[in-house]
């Protein structure tokens, strides 16, 4: 693992800023680095490539990671409020206990990542895709999630109240104990193969949408209480499952 002085990091970021003005060659790439304690708030890391980088606990507020590629990046307990990750690609990210309030993740692709206990309240998740990831007990209240995709992922006890999930795709996910109160579920592209025991769904807005496959209401998600799509549609208008 490499370590940088603040001066060296500033030089790298300055060179990257020049590259953004005239992108000849490849974007800045940082691998096997520990950047904890560095001053990064408000910096531009557009299109940067990070692999096996530690940013745990860092102040990344207002940082611009537009179009960046992050693999095996440690963001545990990092402060990412109002950061921009639009059109980024994130794989094997550890974002447990991180703060993404009002962050911009429009069209971001996130795979094999852990966002347990992360705070994404009021974040812009329009066209954002989470695949094979964990969002257990994450806060996604009041998020803008139009055309959002959540597939083969776990969001147990996640807070999705007042989220705008219009045109969303939710496929093969664990939503046991999740809170969808007052969420908007208009014209869902897909809502199928979901574990729903304990799902809270007061005052949800449902308009059209595609409900198919099975819905598992057994507490252990062992398939012992599987129901069809008609049952699921009816249950979304009730308080608890």
Protein backbone atom coordinates (compact mmCIF):
# COMPACT_ATOMS: atom_id res chain seq x y z
CA UNK A 1 0.00 0.00 0.00
CA UNK A 2 1.42 3.37 -1.04
CA UNK A 3 1.10 6.62 0.89
CA UNK A 4 1.21 10.17 -0.48
CA UNK A 5 2.05 13.49 1.08
CA UNK A 6 -0.55 16.21 0.59
CA UNK A 7 1.91 18.01 -1.70
CA UNK A 8 2.37 14.97 -3.92
CA UNK A 9 -1.36 14.37 -4.12
CA UNK A 10 -1.95 18.01 -5.02
CA UNK A 11 0.57 17.67 -7.86
CA UNK A 12 -1.19 14.59 -9.19
CA UNK A 13 -4.57 16.30 -9.05
CA UNK A 14 -3.19 19.38 -10.79
CA UNK A 15 -1.81 17.19 -13.59
CA UNK A 16 -5.16 15.44 -13.83
CA UNK A 17 -6.95 18.79 -14.12
CA UNK A 18 -4.67 19.66 -17.06
CA UNK A 19 -5.45 16.29 -18.66
CA UNK A 20 -9.17 17.01 -18.39
CA UNK A 21 -8.61 20.15 -20.44
CA UNK A 22 -6.71 18.23 -23.12
CA UNK A 23 -7.33 14.47 -22.66
CA UNK A 24 -4.38 12.92 -24.46
CA UNK A 25 -3.49 9.46 -23.21
CA UNK A 26 -5.20 7.88 -20.22
CA UNK A 27 -6.85 9.41 -17.17
CA UNK A 28 -5.07 9.47 -13.84
CA UNK A 29 -4.91 6.06 -12.23
CA UNK A 30 -4.25 5.42 -8.56
CA UNK A 31 -3.72 1.85 -7.38
CA UNK A 32 -2.87 0.34 -4.01
CA UNK A 33 -3.01 3.69 -2.22
CA UNK A 34 -4.04 4.80 1.26
CA UNK A 35 -5.38 8.37 1.03
CA UNK A 36 -6.80 8.67 4.51
CA UNK A 37 -6.20 12.08 6.03
CA UNK A 38 -5.70 13.80 2.68
CA UNK A 39 -7.51 17.06 1.85
CA UNK A 40 -9.91 16.04 -0.92
CA UNK A 41 -13.03 18.07 -0.23
CA UNK A 42 -14.41 19.68 -3.37
CA UNK A 43 -11.68 18.26 -5.61
CA UNK A 44 -12.28 17.14 -9.18
CA UNK A 45 -11.54 13.48 -9.86
CA UNK A 46 -13.56 13.25 -13.04
CA UNK A 47 -12.85 10.07 -15.01
CA UNK A 48 -10.16 9.03 -12.54
CA UNK A 49 -9.41 5.32 -12.12
CA UNK A 50 -9.06 4.03 -8.57
CA UNK A 51 -8.27 0.45 -7.65
CA UNK A 52 -7.56 -0.91 -4.19
CA UNK A 53 -7.63 2.59 -2.70
CA UNK A 54 -8.46 3.43 0.91
CA UNK A 55 -10.64 6.52 1.44
CA UNK A 56 -12.22 5.37 4.68
CA UNK A 57 -13.38 8.25 6.84
CA UNK A 58 -12.34 10.86 4.28
CA UNK A 59 -14.08 14.19 3.76
CA UNK A 60 -15.22 13.90 0.13
CA UNK A 61 -18.00 16.44 0.26
CA UNK A 62 -18.67 18.11 -3.10
CA UNK A 63 -16.05 15.95 -4.85
CA UNK A 64 -16.58 15.32 -8.54
CA UNK A 65 -16.13 11.67 -9.53
CA UNK A 66 -18.11 12.02 -12.77
CA UNK A 67 -17.30 9.13 -15.10
CA UNK A 68 -14.79 7.66 -12.64
CA UNK A 69 -14.00 3.97 -12.34
CA UNK A 70 -13.65 2.62 -8.81
CA UNK A 71 -12.72 -0.97 -7.97
CA UNK A 72 -12.07 -2.30 -4.49
CA UNK A 73 -12.27 1.16 -2.94
CA UNK A 74 -12.77 1.51 0.82
CA UNK A 75 -15.26 4.30 1.56
CA UNK A 76 -16.26 3.17 5.03
CA UNK A 77 -17.67 6.08 7.06
CA UNK A 78 -16.61 8.56 4.37
CA UNK A 79 -18.50 11.86 4.05
CA UNK A 80 -19.76 12.09 0.46
CA UNK A 81 -22.50 14.66 0.89
CA UNK A 82 -23.30 16.41 -2.40
CA UNK A 83 -20.54 14.48 -4.17
CA UNK A 84 -21.00 13.67 -7.85
CA UNK A 85 -20.67 10.06 -9.00
CA UNK A 86 -22.80 10.45 -12.11
CA UNK A 87 -21.97 7.96 -14.88
CA UNK A 88 -19.36 6.30 -12.65
CA UNK A 89 -18.62 2.57 -12.49
CA UNK A 90 -18.16 1.15 -8.99
CA UNK A 91 -17.29 -2.46 -8.26
CA UNK A 92 -16.52 -4.09 -4.92
CA UNK A 93 -16.94 -0.82 -3.04
CA UNK A 94 -17.07 -0.89 0.75
CA UNK A 95 -19.36 2.02 1.58
CA UNK A 96 -20.64 0.87 4.95
CA UNK A 97 -21.75 3.69 7.27
CA UNK A 98 -20.91 6.32 4.64
CA UNK A 99 -22.91 9.52 4.10
CA UNK A 100 -24.20 10.25 0.60
CA UNK A 101 -26.92 12.77 1.40
CA UNK A 102 -27.88 14.79 -1.68
CA UNK A 103 -25.19 13.05 -3.74
CA UNK A 104 -25.55 12.74 -7.51
CA UNK A 105 -25.34 9.12 -8.70
CA UNK A 106 -27.29 9.53 -11.91
CA UNK A 107 -26.60 6.63 -14.29
CA UNK A 108 -23.96 5.15 -11.98
CA UNK A 109 -23.38 1.39 -12.19
CA UNK A 110 -22.67 -0.23 -8.83
CA UNK A 111 -21.83 -3.93 -8.54
CA UNK A 112 -20.81 -6.32 -5.76
CA UNK A 113 -20.69 -3.47 -3.25
CA UNK A 114 -21.69 -3.01 0.40
CA UNK A 115 -23.75 0.05 1.32
CA UNK A 116 -25.01 -1.30 4.65
CA UNK A 117 -26.09 1.51 6.99
CA UNK A 118 -25.18 4.11 4.36
CA UNK A 119 -27.17 7.34 4.30
CA UNK A 120 -28.37 8.21 0.79
CA UNK A 121 -31.30 10.41 1.82
CA UNK A 122 -32.29 12.91 -0.86
CA UNK A 123 -29.69 11.50 -3.26
CA UNK A 124 -30.32 11.52 -7.01
CA UNK A 125 -30.42 7.87 -8.09
CA UNK A 126 -32.17 8.34 -11.40
CA UNK A 127 -31.08 5.54 -13.76
CA UNK A 128 -28.68 4.22 -11.09
CA UNK A 129 -28.08 0.47 -11.11
CA UNK A 130 -27.25 -1.64 -8.04
CA UNK A 131 -26.42 -5.25 -8.88
CA UNK A 132 -25.46 -8.05 -6.47
CA UNK A 133 -24.97 -5.51 -3.71
CA UNK A 134 -25.97 -5.01 -0.07
CA UNK A 135 -28.02 -2.04 1.15
CA UNK A 136 -29.19 -3.50 4.45
CA UNK A 137 -30.45 -0.79 6.82
CA UNK A 138 -29.43 1.89 4.34
CA UNK A 139 -31.38 5.16 4.28
CA UNK A 140 -32.81 6.00 0.86
CA UNK A 141 -35.62 8.23 2.06
CA UNK A 142 -36.79 10.95 -0.33
CA UNK A 143 -34.45 9.76 -3.07
CA UNK A 144 -35.11 10.49 -6.73
CA UNK A 145 -34.95 7.00 -8.18
CA UNK A 146 -36.76 7.18 -11.51
CA UNK A 147 -35.66 4.25 -13.71
CA UNK A 148 -33.62 2.94 -10.77
CA UNK A 149 -32.52 -0.70 -10.91
CA UNK A 150 -31.96 -3.03 -7.96
CA UNK A 151 -31.20 -6.62 -8.90
CA UNK A 152 -30.00 -9.70 -7.02
CA UNK A 153 -29.36 -7.51 -3.99
CA UNK A 154 -30.29 -7.27 -0.33
CA UNK A 155 -32.00 -4.20 1.10
CA UNK A 156 -33.24 -5.65 4.38
CA UNK A 157 -34.71 -3.03 6.72
CA UNK A 158 -33.73 -0.30 4.28
CA UNK A 159 -35.58 3.02 4.49
CA UNK A 160 -37.18 3.80 1.13
CA UNK A 161 -40.02 5.94 2.45
CA UNK A 162 -41.08 8.79 0.17
CA UNK A 163 -38.72 7.53 -2.54
CA UNK A 164 -39.72 8.16 -6.13
CA UNK A 165 -39.35 4.71 -7.68
CA UNK A 166 -41.26 5.39 -10.88
CA UNK A 167 -40.26 3.11 -13.79
CA UNK A 168 -37.92 1.21 -11.45
CA UNK A 169 -36.74 -2.38 -11.82
CA UNK A 170 -36.59 -4.50 -8.67
CA UNK A 171 -35.65 -8.10 -9.40
CA UNK A 172 -34.64 -11.06 -7.21
CA UNK A 173 -34.07 -8.92 -4.10
CA UNK A 174 -34.43 -9.27 -0.35
CA UNK A 175 -36.67 -6.45 0.90
CA UNK A 176 -37.60 -8.03 4.23
CA UNK A 177 -38.45 -5.34 6.75
CA UNK A 178 -37.88 -2.51 4.27
CA UNK A 179 -39.90 0.71 4.56
CA UNK A 180 -41.73 1.79 1.41
CA UNK A 181 -44.20 4.07 3.16
CA UNK A 182 -45.42 6.90 0.91
CA UNK A 183 -43.13 5.77 -1.92
CA UNK A 184 -44.14 6.31 -5.53
CA UNK A 185 -44.22 3.08 -7.56
CA UNK A 186 -45.69 4.29 -10.82
CA UNK A 187 -45.20 2.21 -13.95
CA UNK A 188 -42.68 -0.21 -12.47
CA UNK A 189 -40.67 -1.88 -15.22
CA UNK A 190 -40.32 -4.99 -13.11
CA UNK A 191 -41.13 -6.08 -9.56
CA UNK A 192 -40.56 -9.83 -9.28
CA UNK A 193 -38.93 -12.61 -7.27
CA UNK A 194 -38.74 -10.52 -4.08
CA UNK A 195 -38.61 -11.53 -0.41
CA UNK A 196 -41.13 -9.26 1.32
CA UNK A 197 -41.73 -10.46 4.90
CA UNK A 198 -42.29 -7.44 7.14
CA UNK A 199 -42.29 -4.98 4.25
CA UNK A 200 -43.97 -1.69 5.27
CA UNK A 201 -46.10 -0.16 2.55
CA UNK A 202 -48.47 2.52 3.87
CA UNK A 203 -49.78 5.09 1.42
CA UNK A 204 -47.73 3.87 -1.53
CA UNK A 205 -48.68 5.19 -4.94
CA UNK A 206 -49.16 2.41 -7.50
CA UNK A 207 -50.05 3.12 -11.10
CA UNK A 208 -49.70 0.36 -13.66
CA UNK A 209 -46.42 -1.48 -13.44
CA UNK A 210 -45.27 -5.03 -14.09
CA UNK A 211 -45.62 -7.45 -11.17
CA UNK A 212 -44.60 -11.00 -12.03
CA UNK A 213 -42.99 -14.08 -10.56
CA UNK A 214 -43.17 -15.07 -6.90
CA UNK A 215 -43.08 -13.10 -3.65
CA UNK A 216 -41.77 -14.79 -0.53
CA UNK A 217 -43.51 -13.67 2.68
CA UNK A 218 -41.79 -16.19 4.96
CA UNK A 219 -39.60 -14.58 7.66
CA UNK A 220 -36.67 -16.86 6.82
CA UNK A 221 -37.07 -16.38 3.06
CA UNK A 222 -37.13 -20.14 2.68
CA UNK A 223 -39.89 -20.16 0.09
CA UNK A 224 -42.50 -21.63 2.44
CA UNK A 225 -44.88 -18.69 1.93
CA UNK A 226 -44.67 -17.89 -1.74
CA UNK A 227 -47.41 -15.85 -3.38
CA UNK A 228 -48.21 -14.66 -6.87
CA UNK A 229 -48.13 -11.19 -8.39
CA UNK A 230 -51.80 -10.44 -7.72
CA UNK A 231 -51.22 -11.05 -4.01
CA UNK A 232 -48.24 -8.70 -4.04
CA UNK A 233 -50.11 -5.90 -5.73
CA UNK A 234 -52.85 -6.15 -3.11
CA UNK A 235 -50.40 -6.26 -0.22
CA UNK A 236 -48.68 -3.06 -1.29
CA UNK A 237 -51.79 -1.17 -0.23
CA UNK A 238 -51.67 -2.59 3.29
CA UNK A 239 -49.66 -1.53 6.31
CA UNK A 240 -47.55 -4.65 6.89
CA UNK A 241 -46.84 -8.03 5.33
